[in-house]
Amino acid sequence: MVDIDPTEYEIAELGPKIKDVDDADELRAMLELEEGGEDRVPVKTLIEDRIEKVEDEGDGEVDPETVDLASLTVADVANMVRDVDDADVLRDLLEREKAGEDRKTAKSQIESRIESVEGTEEAAGEVEYVPPEEKYPDLDHPTNDKQWVEGTVGAEYRDMWVYCETQAGDLVDVSREMLGKARELMDTYNAEYDEDERVVAVLVGADASDHVEDVIAYGADLVLYHEDDRLERFRHQPYTEIFCDMARAGGDLAAEGREDVDWKDYHEPRYTVFPATNNGRDLSALVQGELDSGLASDCSGLYIENAMISNPAKVGTAGDKKEFERVLHMKRPDFSGFEYSTILCIDKPNRDFHPQGASVIPGSFEIPDPDYEREAEVVDYEMELDEDWFQVEVEEFDRLSGGVDLTGNDVVVAVGRGIGDDPTRGIELALDLVDAFDEADLGLSRGVITSSYSFDGHVEQYVTEERQIGESGQEVEPDVYIAAGISGAIQHKVGCDESDTIIAINTDPDADIRDFSDYLIEGDLFEVLPRLTEAVEAGGLGAVVGEVSDD
């Protein structure tokens, strides 16, 4: 048994804990638990790095020329070859591994190191850099007019900036989530890289100062706020201009004539994080575009780690590899809908891509407990707002008082494209089941929202985007989640994965939703939903589920 089970922790929580473990055997046991559980690459790397540090501090350093490979785990092999720069020694290790254990992963680690030491078989040589205006003389390149493009080569970047959105005078929950996650990330970052970088909260609005105390309590080290009555409602240009002005304030490469500031001595933020809300999606794209960097949108996971890159456009030399440090890994469901992709924002030899930016799906991270005893630096950021940014004046508007919030229900009944044979009847059956519970509501998959189904008027009112569950909708954590006719794409999994019990109804026993459901009922929702409704009304839902499926 081990004292720390890595499968119970996020990487940000595990980092500080694992630094106190000095027993290599215990660390290997932790590695086995992770490999047999979630098998997360960054977590395994963290544990492997700790094993390497512990063993380096010991007396018996492994000699790669004489070591018995059969006595080493794959992780041991990977750690050992990282420090071997002799290609002949590496080839000898590879031949001995092939003749012995012949482990595919171990061979891959050795081969990767050989490639890193020698380069690939591609023709070596510097990749020629041609400025855009010379490479494409017939095209218009508006970004060439921005001094920031030419100025961001080898500049200094620090801190993680979090845009904290407010709506109707309240700090939205995703802002609290992001602050908590940023706090975890930067605490681990500072410990790993021996730095003292900060979480910077950015507040913009007519009541921005009202939220300063809250953002400090949720993890900010520095709060920048700009308050103006004209900013009561989100506006694209002024909000973008304010954030970018803050990001460029001070620093060695500040605009000519700009005064230095005492709260920032670097060029631009290292990382920026925005909420993936309607307004947050707009602002994140505008800000990152203005700062001439990239954006990973709709992310559900973030971690900071080094990355080995071989792309010649990033490395600068064909057939070579380079390790980039302190890279924000931004995890999001990919366009196939069935896998996660990790987005990296990597510099080029003649071009820096900072800040590394992401927008975060609401509900992706837990809201931390606030600490109102925390202290932080607070800056009332002053700047002149151009009247041209307010040419359109909103004289009157209504604010919706209702909406659909599925997050507080004990039960959520969600339907997907399986209702296609009779869409109206499918919604009716789902609503019948909803009514059978005390605290329940109806959810929908994106497939229903984007379909061309025709619904009768009495159910059409329920088919609205605000009921969508998933990456671009709501994330729910009910006691019971019933998914009827939903295939289980990654985007939908994001929205319901934290439910206590997931019951899936599908005609396909191999549907992807099986992988993250507690029960799979193989059958047609038009037949199964009425039976579930009867069972709930009779107080016997558990018995029916057990009768229909033991899987």
Protein backbone atom coordinates (compact mmCIF):
# COMPACT_ATOMS: atom_id res chain seq x y z
CA MET A 1 0.00 0.00 0.00
CA VAL A 2 1.09 3.54 -0.65
CA ASP A 3 0.29 6.63 1.39
CA ILE A 4 -0.63 8.67 -1.70
CA ASP A 5 -2.88 7.22 -4.41
CA PRO A 6 -2.25 9.43 -7.48
CA THR A 7 -5.58 8.48 -9.05
CA GLU A 8 -7.33 10.45 -6.31
CA TYR A 9 -5.60 13.74 -7.16
CA GLU A 10 -5.36 16.28 -9.94
CA ILE A 11 -1.77 16.93 -11.03
CA ALA A 12 -1.77 20.37 -9.37
CA GLU A 13 -2.67 18.75 -6.04
CA LEU A 14 -0.27 15.86 -6.49
CA GLY A 15 2.79 17.98 -7.27
CA PRO A 16 3.33 19.45 -3.78
CA LYS A 17 2.54 16.11 -2.08
CA ILE A 18 4.89 13.99 -4.15
CA LYS A 19 7.88 16.20 -3.37
CA ASP A 20 7.93 14.73 0.16
CA VAL A 21 8.16 11.12 -1.04
CA ASP A 22 11.76 9.89 -0.93
CA ASP A 23 11.20 6.16 -1.41
CA ALA A 24 11.72 5.13 -5.05
CA ASP A 25 9.85 1.85 -4.53
CA GLU A 26 6.84 3.69 -3.18
CA LEU A 27 6.96 6.04 -6.13
CA ARG A 28 7.05 3.07 -8.53
CA ALA A 29 4.00 1.65 -6.77
CA MET A 30 2.27 4.99 -7.27
CA LEU A 31 3.24 4.88 -10.94
CA GLU A 32 1.68 1.42 -11.28
CA LEU A 33 -1.54 2.67 -9.68
CA GLU A 34 -1.72 5.53 -12.17
CA GLU A 35 -0.96 3.23 -15.13
CA GLY A 36 -3.71 0.89 -13.99
CA GLY A 37 -6.13 3.77 -13.42
CA GLU A 38 -6.49 6.98 -15.41
CA ASP A 39 -3.04 6.54 -17.02
CA ARG A 40 -2.51 10.31 -17.36
CA VAL A 41 0.72 11.18 -19.15
CA PRO A 42 1.47 14.36 -17.12
CA VAL A 43 0.93 12.53 -13.84
CA LYS A 44 3.19 9.66 -14.90
CA THR A 45 5.83 12.15 -16.00
CA LEU A 46 5.61 13.90 -12.63
CA ILE A 47 6.10 10.61 -10.77
CA GLU A 48 8.89 9.48 -13.10
CA ASP A 49 10.70 12.80 -12.61
CA ARG A 50 10.46 12.36 -8.86
CA ILE A 51 11.82 8.81 -9.13
CA GLU A 52 14.75 10.15 -11.13
CA LYS A 53 15.48 12.84 -8.55
CA VAL A 54 15.28 10.38 -5.66
CA GLU A 55 17.59 7.90 -7.36
CA ASP A 56 20.04 10.60 -8.41
CA GLU A 57 20.32 11.59 -4.77
CA GLY A 58 21.20 7.99 -3.82
CA ASP A 59 24.55 6.30 -3.98
CA GLY A 60 23.99 3.74 -6.72
CA GLU A 61 23.80 5.62 -9.99
CA VAL A 62 22.86 3.39 -12.94
CA ASP A 63 25.53 2.87 -15.59
CA PRO A 64 23.74 2.54 -18.96
CA GLU A 65 26.68 0.60 -20.46
CA THR A 66 26.49 -2.22 -17.89
CA VAL A 67 22.97 -2.07 -16.42
CA ASP A 68 20.78 -5.17 -16.55
CA LEU A 69 17.74 -3.89 -18.45
CA ALA A 70 15.60 -6.75 -17.15
CA SER A 71 15.92 -5.26 -13.67
CA LEU A 72 14.50 -1.91 -14.81
CA THR A 73 10.92 -0.89 -15.38
CA VAL A 74 9.97 1.02 -18.52
CA ALA A 75 9.90 4.18 -16.41
CA ASP A 76 13.45 3.39 -15.19
CA VAL A 77 14.62 3.01 -18.79
CA ALA A 78 12.98 6.28 -19.81
CA ASN A 79 14.58 8.14 -16.90
CA MET A 80 18.00 6.61 -17.58
CA VAL A 81 18.20 7.38 -21.30
CA ARG A 82 17.27 11.05 -20.80
CA ASP A 83 20.83 11.71 -19.63
CA VAL A 84 22.59 9.58 -22.27
CA ASP A 85 24.06 11.65 -25.10
CA ASP A 86 26.15 8.93 -26.76
CA ALA A 87 24.25 7.43 -29.70
CA ASP A 88 26.41 4.27 -29.69
CA VAL A 89 25.55 3.59 -26.04
CA LEU A 90 21.90 4.09 -26.85
CA ARG A 91 22.07 1.68 -29.80
CA ASP A 92 23.69 -0.92 -27.56
CA LEU A 93 20.86 -0.45 -25.05
CA LEU A 94 18.33 -0.88 -27.83
CA GLU A 95 19.92 -4.13 -29.04
CA ARG A 96 20.08 -5.50 -25.50
CA GLU A 97 16.42 -4.62 -24.93
CA LYS A 98 15.43 -6.37 -28.19
CA ALA A 99 17.42 -9.47 -27.21
CA GLY A 100 15.96 -9.48 -23.69
CA GLU A 101 12.60 -8.18 -22.50
CA ASP A 102 11.83 -6.70 -25.93
CA ARG A 103 9.32 -4.24 -24.45
CA LYS A 104 7.71 -2.05 -27.07
CA THR A 105 7.49 1.02 -24.81
CA ALA A 106 11.08 0.69 -23.59
CA LYS A 107 12.35 0.39 -27.17
CA SER A 108 10.31 3.44 -28.13
CA GLN A 109 11.91 5.46 -25.32
CA ILE A 110 15.42 4.49 -26.44
CA GLU A 111 14.67 5.12 -30.12
CA SER A 112 13.19 8.51 -29.28
CA ARG A 113 16.35 9.45 -27.40
CA ILE A 114 18.54 8.29 -30.32
CA GLU A 115 16.48 10.49 -32.63
CA SER A 116 16.82 13.39 -30.21
CA VAL A 117 20.61 12.97 -30.02
CA GLU A 118 21.25 12.40 -33.72
CA GLY A 119 18.26 14.02 -35.36
CA THR A 120 16.10 12.35 -37.98
CA GLU A 121 17.17 11.27 -41.44
CA GLU A 122 15.78 14.48 -42.87
CA ALA A 123 18.31 16.85 -44.33
CA ALA A 124 19.73 18.93 -41.53
CA GLY A 125 20.19 22.63 -41.72
CA GLU A 126 18.66 25.87 -40.62
CA VAL A 127 15.12 26.57 -41.73
CA GLU A 128 15.23 29.78 -43.74
CA TYR A 129 13.19 32.58 -42.24
CA VAL A 130 11.45 34.84 -44.73
CA PRO A 131 9.41 37.76 -43.36
CA PRO A 132 5.73 37.60 -44.37
CA GLU A 133 5.92 40.79 -46.41
CA GLU A 134 8.73 39.26 -48.51
CA LYS A 135 7.28 35.78 -48.71
CA TYR A 136 3.89 37.06 -49.87
CA PRO A 137 4.56 40.47 -51.48
CA ASP A 138 1.17 40.56 -53.21
CA LEU A 139 -0.84 40.04 -50.03
CA ASP A 140 -1.90 42.55 -47.42
CA HIS A 141 -0.60 41.76 -43.95
CA PRO A 142 -2.20 44.05 -41.39
CA THR A 143 -0.35 42.40 -38.49
CA ASN A 144 2.94 43.64 -39.93
CA ASP A 145 1.85 47.11 -38.86
CA LYS A 146 1.70 46.06 -35.22
CA GLN A 147 4.89 46.86 -33.40
CA TRP A 148 4.15 44.02 -31.01
CA VAL A 149 4.88 41.38 -33.66
CA GLU A 150 8.44 42.58 -34.13
CA GLY A 151 8.79 43.32 -30.44
CA THR A 152 7.93 39.87 -29.10
CA VAL A 153 11.07 37.90 -29.81
CA GLY A 154 12.89 36.78 -26.71
CA ALA A 155 10.85 39.04 -24.46
CA GLU A 156 10.09 38.33 -20.81
CA TYR A 157 6.71 36.88 -19.85
CA ARG A 158 5.35 36.16 -16.38
CA ASP A 159 2.19 35.36 -14.44
CA MET A 160 -1.16 33.78 -15.26
CA TRP A 161 -3.90 36.33 -16.00
CA VAL A 162 -7.53 35.38 -15.39
CA TYR A 163 -10.36 37.43 -16.86
CA CYS A 164 -13.06 37.39 -14.19
CA GLU A 165 -16.43 37.88 -15.83
CA THR A 166 -19.40 39.42 -14.05
CA GLN A 167 -23.05 39.31 -15.06
CA ALA A 168 -25.87 41.41 -13.63
CA GLY A 169 -23.60 42.58 -10.82
CA ASP A 170 -22.45 39.08 -9.80
CA LEU A 171 -19.15 37.28 -10.24
CA VAL A 172 -20.02 34.23 -12.36
CA ASP A 173 -19.08 30.80 -11.00
CA VAL A 174 -16.68 30.00 -13.83
CA SER A 175 -14.57 32.98 -12.71
CA ARG A 176 -14.23 31.36 -9.30
CA GLU A 177 -13.39 28.02 -10.92
CA MET A 178 -10.65 29.56 -13.06
CA LEU A 179 -9.12 31.43 -10.13
CA GLY A 180 -8.98 28.23 -8.09
CA LYS A 181 -7.40 26.30 -10.95
CA ALA A 182 -4.95 29.12 -11.68
CA ARG A 183 -3.94 29.13 -8.02
CA GLU A 184 -3.23 25.38 -8.15
CA LEU A 185 -1.32 25.66 -11.42
CA MET A 186 0.87 28.54 -10.33
CA ASP A 187 1.60 27.06 -6.91
CA THR A 188 2.85 23.91 -8.65
CA TYR A 189 4.64 25.96 -11.31
CA ASN A 190 6.48 28.06 -8.72
CA ALA A 191 7.57 24.96 -6.82
CA GLU A 192 8.67 23.14 -10.00
CA TYR A 193 10.57 26.04 -11.57
CA ASP A 194 11.65 27.85 -8.39
CA GLU A 195 9.78 31.00 -9.42
CA ASP A 196 7.47 33.47 -7.73
CA GLU A 197 4.93 34.20 -10.44
CA ARG A 198 1.40 35.36 -9.68
CA VAL A 199 -2.25 34.82 -10.41
CA VAL A 200 -3.53 38.13 -11.80
CA ALA A 201 -7.29 38.77 -11.77
CA VAL A 202 -8.67 41.23 -14.32
CA LEU A 203 -12.01 42.95 -13.65
CA VAL A 204 -13.71 45.30 -16.10
CA GLY A 205 -17.15 46.85 -15.70
CA ALA A 206 -19.34 49.47 -14.07
CA ASP A 207 -19.03 47.75 -10.69
CA ALA A 208 -15.60 46.15 -11.05
CA SER A 209 -14.35 47.29 -7.63
CA ASP A 210 -17.22 45.47 -5.90
CA HIS A 211 -15.64 42.12 -6.74
CA VAL A 212 -12.05 42.77 -5.69
CA GLU A 213 -12.43 41.11 -2.28
CA ASP A 214 -13.96 38.00 -3.83
CA VAL A 215 -11.29 37.43 -6.47
CA ILE A 216 -8.59 37.76 -3.82
CA ALA A 217 -10.39 35.20 -1.65
CA TYR A 218 -10.48 32.75 -4.55
CA GLY A 219 -6.76 32.96 -5.29
CA ALA A 220 -5.58 36.21 -6.91
CA ASP A 221 -2.20 37.69 -5.95
CA LEU A 222 -2.77 40.87 -7.95
CA VAL A 223 -6.08 42.45 -8.96
CA LEU A 224 -6.31 44.87 -11.88
CA TYR A 225 -9.66 46.58 -12.30
CA HIS A 226 -11.06 49.33 -14.48
CA GLU A 227 -14.41 50.81 -13.57
CA ASP A 228 -16.57 53.01 -15.79
CA ASP A 229 -20.34 53.49 -15.89
CA ARG A 230 -20.27 53.05 -19.66
CA LEU A 231 -19.06 49.47 -19.17
CA GLU A 232 -22.22 48.19 -17.46
CA ARG A 233 -22.81 45.84 -20.37
CA PHE A 234 -20.13 43.89 -22.24
CA ARG A 235 -18.79 45.81 -25.25
CA HIS A 236 -16.28 44.28 -27.63
CA GLN A 237 -13.87 47.12 -28.33
CA PRO A 238 -13.52 48.84 -24.95
CA TYR A 239 -13.21 45.56 -23.06
CA THR A 240 -10.56 44.37 -25.53
CA GLU A 241 -8.66 47.66 -25.45
CA ILE A 242 -8.64 47.76 -21.65
CA PHE A 243 -7.38 44.18 -21.23
CA CYS A 244 -4.65 44.62 -23.86
CA ASP A 245 -3.58 47.97 -22.41
CA MET A 246 -3.15 46.29 -19.04
CA ALA A 247 -1.24 43.40 -20.62
CA ARG A 248 1.20 45.78 -22.33
CA ALA A 249 1.66 48.20 -19.46
CA GLY A 250 5.26 48.72 -18.32
CA GLY A 251 7.99 46.29 -19.30
CA ASP A 252 11.14 46.81 -21.36
CA LEU A 253 9.23 46.54 -24.62
CA ALA A 254 6.37 48.84 -23.68
CA ALA A 255 5.10 51.29 -26.29
CA GLU A 256 7.20 54.38 -26.80
CA GLY A 257 6.22 57.08 -24.35
CA ARG A 258 4.37 54.71 -21.98
CA GLU A 259 5.23 55.15 -18.35
CA ASP A 260 6.53 52.20 -16.35
CA VAL A 261 4.33 50.70 -13.66
CA ASP A 262 5.44 49.38 -10.31
CA TRP A 263 3.23 46.27 -10.42
CA LYS A 264 4.60 44.78 -13.65
CA ASP A 265 8.16 44.62 -15.02
CA TYR A 266 7.69 42.22 -17.92
CA HIS A 267 6.43 42.54 -21.48
CA GLU A 268 3.20 40.54 -21.56
CA PRO A 269 1.52 37.77 -19.51
CA ARG A 270 2.87 34.26 -19.79
CA TYR A 271 -0.64 32.74 -19.72
CA THR A 272 -4.17 34.12 -20.11
CA VAL A 273 -7.37 32.30 -19.15
CA PHE A 274 -10.92 33.34 -20.06
CA PRO A 275 -14.36 31.81 -19.45
CA ALA A 276 -15.91 30.01 -22.43
CA THR A 277 -19.15 31.93 -22.02
CA ASN A 278 -20.79 33.92 -24.81
CA ASN A 279 -18.93 37.09 -23.82
CA GLY A 280 -15.78 35.27 -22.74
CA ARG A 281 -15.44 33.49 -26.07
CA ASP A 282 -15.67 36.82 -27.89
CA LEU A 283 -13.22 38.60 -25.61
CA SER A 284 -10.64 35.79 -25.56
CA ALA A 285 -10.45 35.68 -29.36
CA LEU A 286 -10.23 39.47 -29.65
CA VAL A 287 -7.57 39.83 -26.96
CA GLN A 288 -5.36 36.99 -28.20
CA GLY A 289 -5.66 38.28 -31.75
CA GLU A 290 -4.69 41.79 -30.70
CA LEU A 291 -1.74 40.41 -28.72
CA ASP A 292 -0.72 38.37 -31.78
CA SER A 293 -0.91 34.99 -30.12
CA GLY A 294 -3.07 31.88 -30.33
CA LEU A 295 -6.10 30.62 -28.43
CA ALA A 296 -7.28 27.15 -27.42
CA SER A 297 -11.03 27.52 -27.02
CA ASP A 298 -13.51 25.53 -24.92
CA CYS A 299 -10.92 23.72 -22.80
CA SER A 300 -11.82 21.36 -19.97
CA GLY A 301 -8.32 20.66 -18.63
CA LEU A 302 -5.12 22.67 -18.08
CA TYR A 303 -1.64 21.72 -16.89
CA ILE A 304 1.87 23.16 -17.25
CA GLU A 305 4.69 20.94 -18.44
CA ASN A 306 7.77 20.89 -20.66
CA ALA A 307 7.24 19.66 -24.23
CA MET A 308 9.68 18.03 -26.66
CA ILE A 309 9.00 19.38 -30.16
CA SER A 310 10.52 18.29 -33.50
CA ASN A 311 8.56 20.51 -35.91
CA PRO A 312 11.22 22.37 -37.96
CA ALA A 313 9.06 25.51 -38.01
CA LYS A 314 9.27 25.61 -34.20
CA VAL A 315 12.77 24.23 -33.71
CA GLY A 316 14.42 26.12 -36.57
CA THR A 317 16.49 23.18 -37.82
CA ALA A 318 15.17 20.26 -39.86
CA GLY A 319 15.71 16.89 -38.21
CA ASP A 320 16.29 18.33 -34.76
CA LYS A 321 14.32 18.39 -31.51
CA LYS A 322 14.01 20.97 -28.80
CA GLU A 323 12.49 20.92 -25.35
CA PHE A 324 10.24 23.89 -24.68
CA GLU A 325 9.77 24.74 -21.03
CA ARG A 326 6.73 25.92 -19.10
CA VAL A 327 4.20 25.14 -21.81
CA LEU A 328 0.52 25.42 -20.95
CA HIS A 329 -1.12 22.19 -22.11
CA MET A 330 -4.74 22.99 -22.99
CA LYS A 331 -6.99 19.94 -23.16
CA ARG A 332 -10.25 20.01 -25.11
CA PRO A 333 -12.53 17.57 -26.95
CA ASP A 334 -11.45 17.34 -30.57
CA PHE A 335 -13.63 17.79 -33.62
CA SER A 336 -14.27 14.06 -33.99
CA GLY A 337 -16.22 14.18 -30.76
CA PHE A 338 -14.62 10.98 -29.44
CA GLU A 339 -11.13 11.95 -28.30
CA TYR A 340 -9.38 14.73 -26.41
CA SER A 341 -6.75 16.90 -28.05
CA THR A 342 -4.09 18.84 -26.20
CA ILE A 343 -3.30 22.24 -27.70
CA LEU A 344 0.14 23.82 -27.30
CA CYS A 345 1.14 27.38 -28.16
CA ILE A 346 4.81 27.09 -29.11
CA ASP A 347 7.20 29.90 -30.07
CA LYS A 348 9.10 30.03 -33.36
CA PRO A 349 12.76 31.09 -33.74
CA ASN A 350 11.67 34.47 -35.11
CA ARG A 351 8.34 34.82 -33.38
CA ASP A 352 7.08 34.47 -29.81
CA PHE A 353 3.54 33.29 -29.16
CA HIS A 354 2.61 34.78 -25.81
CA PRO A 355 0.41 34.95 -23.92
CA GLN A 356 -0.48 31.27 -24.20
CA GLY A 357 -4.26 31.59 -24.02
CA ALA A 358 -7.23 29.35 -23.27
CA SER A 359 -10.95 29.69 -22.69
CA VAL A 360 -12.45 27.31 -20.12
CA ILE A 361 -15.80 25.52 -20.29
CA PRO A 362 -17.88 26.45 -17.22
CA GLY A 363 -18.04 23.58 -14.76
CA SER A 364 -14.66 22.10 -15.75
CA PHE A 365 -13.05 22.74 -12.37
CA GLU A 366 -14.26 22.73 -8.79
CA ILE A 367 -14.98 26.02 -7.07
CA PRO A 368 -12.50 26.27 -4.20
CA ASP A 369 -13.37 27.36 -0.70
CA PRO A 370 -12.73 31.12 -0.47
CA ASP A 371 -10.18 32.47 1.98
CA TYR A 372 -11.14 36.01 2.92
CA GLU A 373 -7.99 36.31 5.04
CA ARG A 374 -5.82 36.33 1.90
CA GLU A 375 -4.05 39.53 0.95
CA ALA A 376 -3.17 40.78 -2.52
CA GLU A 377 -2.03 43.87 -4.36
CA VAL A 378 -4.89 45.89 -5.87
CA VAL A 379 -4.48 48.30 -8.80
CA ASP A 380 -7.18 50.74 -9.89
CA TYR A 381 -6.07 50.81 -13.52
CA GLU A 382 -6.50 54.22 -15.10
CA MET A 383 -6.75 54.83 -18.84
CA GLU A 384 -8.68 57.11 -21.15
CA LEU A 385 -11.48 55.41 -23.03
CA ASP A 386 -11.98 56.67 -26.58
CA GLU A 387 -15.46 58.02 -27.24
CA ASP A 388 -15.37 56.27 -30.61
CA TRP A 389 -15.56 52.95 -28.72
CA PHE A 390 -19.05 53.91 -27.57
CA GLN A 391 -20.61 55.08 -30.82
CA VAL A 392 -23.53 52.69 -30.39
CA GLU A 393 -25.64 53.55 -27.38
CA VAL A 394 -28.07 51.01 -25.92
CA GLU A 395 -30.95 53.10 -24.61
CA GLU A 396 -33.14 50.29 -23.35
CA PHE A 397 -32.85 46.55 -22.79
CA ASP A 398 -34.57 43.75 -20.89
CA ARG A 399 -32.69 41.25 -18.77
CA LEU A 400 -34.09 37.72 -18.68
CA SER A 401 -35.18 36.85 -15.17
CA GLY A 402 -35.48 33.11 -15.72
CA GLY A 403 -33.63 30.62 -17.84
CA VAL A 404 -33.02 26.95 -17.30
CA ASP A 405 -30.51 25.87 -14.67
CA LEU A 406 -30.16 22.09 -14.66
CA THR A 407 -27.35 22.01 -12.12
CA GLY A 408 -29.46 21.93 -8.96
CA ASN A 409 -31.55 18.85 -9.75
CA ASP A 410 -31.30 15.43 -8.12
CA VAL A 411 -32.15 13.81 -11.46
CA VAL A 412 -31.61 14.89 -15.07
CA VAL A 413 -33.31 13.02 -17.91
CA ALA A 414 -31.50 13.77 -21.18
CA VAL A 415 -32.51 12.67 -24.67
CA GLY A 416 -30.54 12.58 -27.91
CA ARG A 417 -30.94 11.66 -31.54
CA GLY A 418 -32.61 8.40 -30.51
CA ILE A 419 -35.90 10.32 -30.51
CA GLY A 420 -35.60 10.74 -34.29
CA ASP A 421 -38.35 8.26 -35.20
CA ASP A 422 -40.94 10.34 -33.36
CA PRO A 423 -39.33 13.49 -31.87
CA THR A 424 -42.46 14.84 -30.18
CA ARG A 425 -43.25 11.48 -28.58
CA GLY A 426 -39.65 11.15 -27.42
CA ILE A 427 -39.80 14.49 -25.58
CA GLU A 428 -43.19 13.57 -24.10
CA LEU A 429 -41.84 10.30 -22.69
CA ALA A 430 -38.81 12.06 -21.20
CA LEU A 431 -41.06 14.69 -19.58
CA ASP A 432 -43.26 11.94 -18.12
CA LEU A 433 -40.18 10.46 -16.45
CA VAL A 434 -39.10 13.91 -15.24
CA ASP A 435 -42.53 14.43 -13.64
CA ALA A 436 -42.25 11.11 -11.81
CA PHE A 437 -39.32 12.43 -9.75
CA ASP A 438 -39.48 15.13 -7.07
CA GLU A 439 -36.45 17.16 -8.23
CA ALA A 440 -35.75 16.56 -11.91
CA ASP A 441 -35.56 18.34 -15.24
CA LEU A 442 -35.07 17.69 -18.94
CA GLY A 443 -31.74 17.93 -20.74
CA LEU A 444 -30.86 17.62 -24.42
CA SER A 445 -27.84 16.56 -26.42
CA ARG A 446 -26.38 18.87 -29.03
CA GLY A 447 -27.69 16.50 -31.71
CA VAL A 448 -31.28 17.40 -30.80
CA ILE A 449 -30.55 21.13 -30.71
CA THR A 450 -28.90 21.15 -34.14
CA SER A 451 -31.31 18.72 -35.81
CA SER A 452 -34.10 19.61 -38.20
CA TYR A 453 -36.68 17.66 -36.19
CA SER A 454 -40.23 18.99 -36.25
CA PHE A 455 -41.87 19.21 -32.81
CA ASP A 456 -45.49 19.80 -31.92
CA GLY A 457 -46.15 23.10 -30.19
CA HIS A 458 -46.75 21.68 -26.70
CA VAL A 459 -43.18 20.27 -26.53
CA GLU A 460 -41.38 22.73 -28.80
CA GLN A 461 -40.92 25.10 -25.86
CA TYR A 462 -38.65 22.50 -24.23
CA VAL A 463 -36.30 22.18 -27.20
CA THR A 464 -34.07 25.17 -26.48
CA GLU A 465 -30.32 25.63 -26.50
CA GLU A 466 -30.29 26.48 -22.80
CA ARG A 467 -31.15 22.83 -22.03
CA GLN A 468 -28.12 21.53 -23.90
CA ILE A 469 -25.71 19.44 -21.85
CA GLY A 470 -22.07 19.13 -22.81
CA GLU A 471 -19.01 21.08 -23.87
CA SER A 472 -20.95 24.05 -25.25
CA GLY A 473 -23.86 23.72 -22.83
CA GLN A 474 -24.36 23.02 -19.13
CA GLU A 475 -22.33 20.66 -16.94
CA VAL A 476 -24.42 18.78 -14.41
CA GLU A 477 -23.65 16.55 -11.43
CA PRO A 478 -27.02 15.04 -10.37
CA ASP A 479 -27.49 11.95 -8.23
CA VAL A 480 -28.96 10.19 -11.26
CA TYR A 481 -28.37 11.04 -14.93
CA ILE A 482 -30.53 9.19 -17.44
CA ALA A 483 -29.25 9.40 -21.02
CA ALA A 484 -31.77 8.13 -23.55
CA GLY A 485 -30.73 7.72 -27.17
CA ILE A 486 -27.39 9.52 -26.68
CA SER A 487 -24.29 8.02 -28.32
CA GLY A 488 -21.82 9.45 -25.80
CA ALA A 489 -19.46 11.74 -27.70
CA ILE A 490 -16.69 13.37 -25.69
CA GLN A 491 -18.47 16.74 -25.86
CA HIS A 492 -21.49 15.25 -24.10
CA LYS A 493 -19.38 13.32 -21.61
CA VAL A 494 -17.88 16.62 -20.43
CA GLY A 495 -21.36 17.72 -19.38
CA CYS A 496 -22.44 14.70 -17.31
CA ASP A 497 -19.29 12.80 -16.34
CA GLU A 498 -19.42 13.85 -12.68
CA SER A 499 -22.94 12.49 -12.10
CA ASP A 500 -23.15 9.99 -9.23
CA THR A 501 -25.00 7.38 -11.31
CA ILE A 502 -25.38 7.36 -15.09
CA ILE A 503 -28.05 5.19 -16.67
CA ALA A 504 -27.82 4.91 -20.45
CA ILE A 505 -30.56 3.68 -22.77
CA ASN A 506 -29.38 2.77 -26.24
CA THR A 507 -30.16 0.26 -28.98
CA ASP A 508 -26.42 -0.10 -29.61
CA PRO A 509 -24.74 -2.10 -26.81
CA ASP A 510 -21.34 -0.82 -27.97
CA ALA A 511 -22.24 2.88 -28.00
CA ASP A 512 -19.48 5.09 -26.57
CA ILE A 513 -21.68 6.09 -23.66
CA ARG A 514 -21.23 2.57 -22.29
CA ASP A 515 -17.66 3.46 -21.33
CA PHE A 516 -18.72 6.03 -18.73
CA SER A 517 -22.14 4.70 -17.65
CA ASP A 518 -22.93 2.74 -14.51
CA TYR A 519 -25.82 0.95 -16.23
CA LEU A 520 -26.51 0.38 -19.91
CA ILE A 521 -30.02 -0.66 -20.85
CA GLU A 522 -30.00 -2.12 -24.34
CA GLY A 523 -33.31 -1.16 -25.86
CA ASP A 524 -35.46 1.39 -27.63
CA LEU A 525 -36.08 4.49 -25.51
CA PHE A 526 -39.72 4.50 -26.69
CA GLU A 527 -40.15 1.16 -24.88
CA VAL A 528 -37.76 1.66 -21.95
CA LEU A 529 -38.74 5.18 -20.78
CA PRO A 530 -42.39 4.26 -20.03
CA ARG A 531 -41.19 1.28 -17.96
CA LEU A 532 -38.79 3.48 -15.99
CA THR A 533 -41.58 5.98 -15.37
CA GLU A 534 -43.83 3.23 -14.04
CA ALA A 535 -41.00 1.94 -11.84
CA VAL A 536 -40.29 5.38 -10.35
CA GLU A 537 -43.98 5.98 -9.65
CA ALA A 538 -44.12 2.56 -7.96
CA GLY A 539 -40.90 3.22 -6.04
CA GLY A 540 -38.95 0.45 -7.76
CA LEU A 541 -36.49 2.02 -10.20
CA GLY A 542 -33.55 0.03 -8.86
CA ALA A 543 -35.34 -3.28 -9.34
CA VAL A 544 -36.18 -2.49 -12.95
CA VAL A 545 -32.62 -1.48 -13.76
CA GLY A 546 -31.33 -4.71 -12.23
CA GLU A 547 -33.87 -6.73 -14.18
CA VAL A 548 -33.04 -5.13 -17.52
CA SER A 549 -29.24 -5.08 -17.30
CA ASP A 550 -26.48 -6.38 -15.09
CA ASP A 551 -23.74 -4.55 -17.04
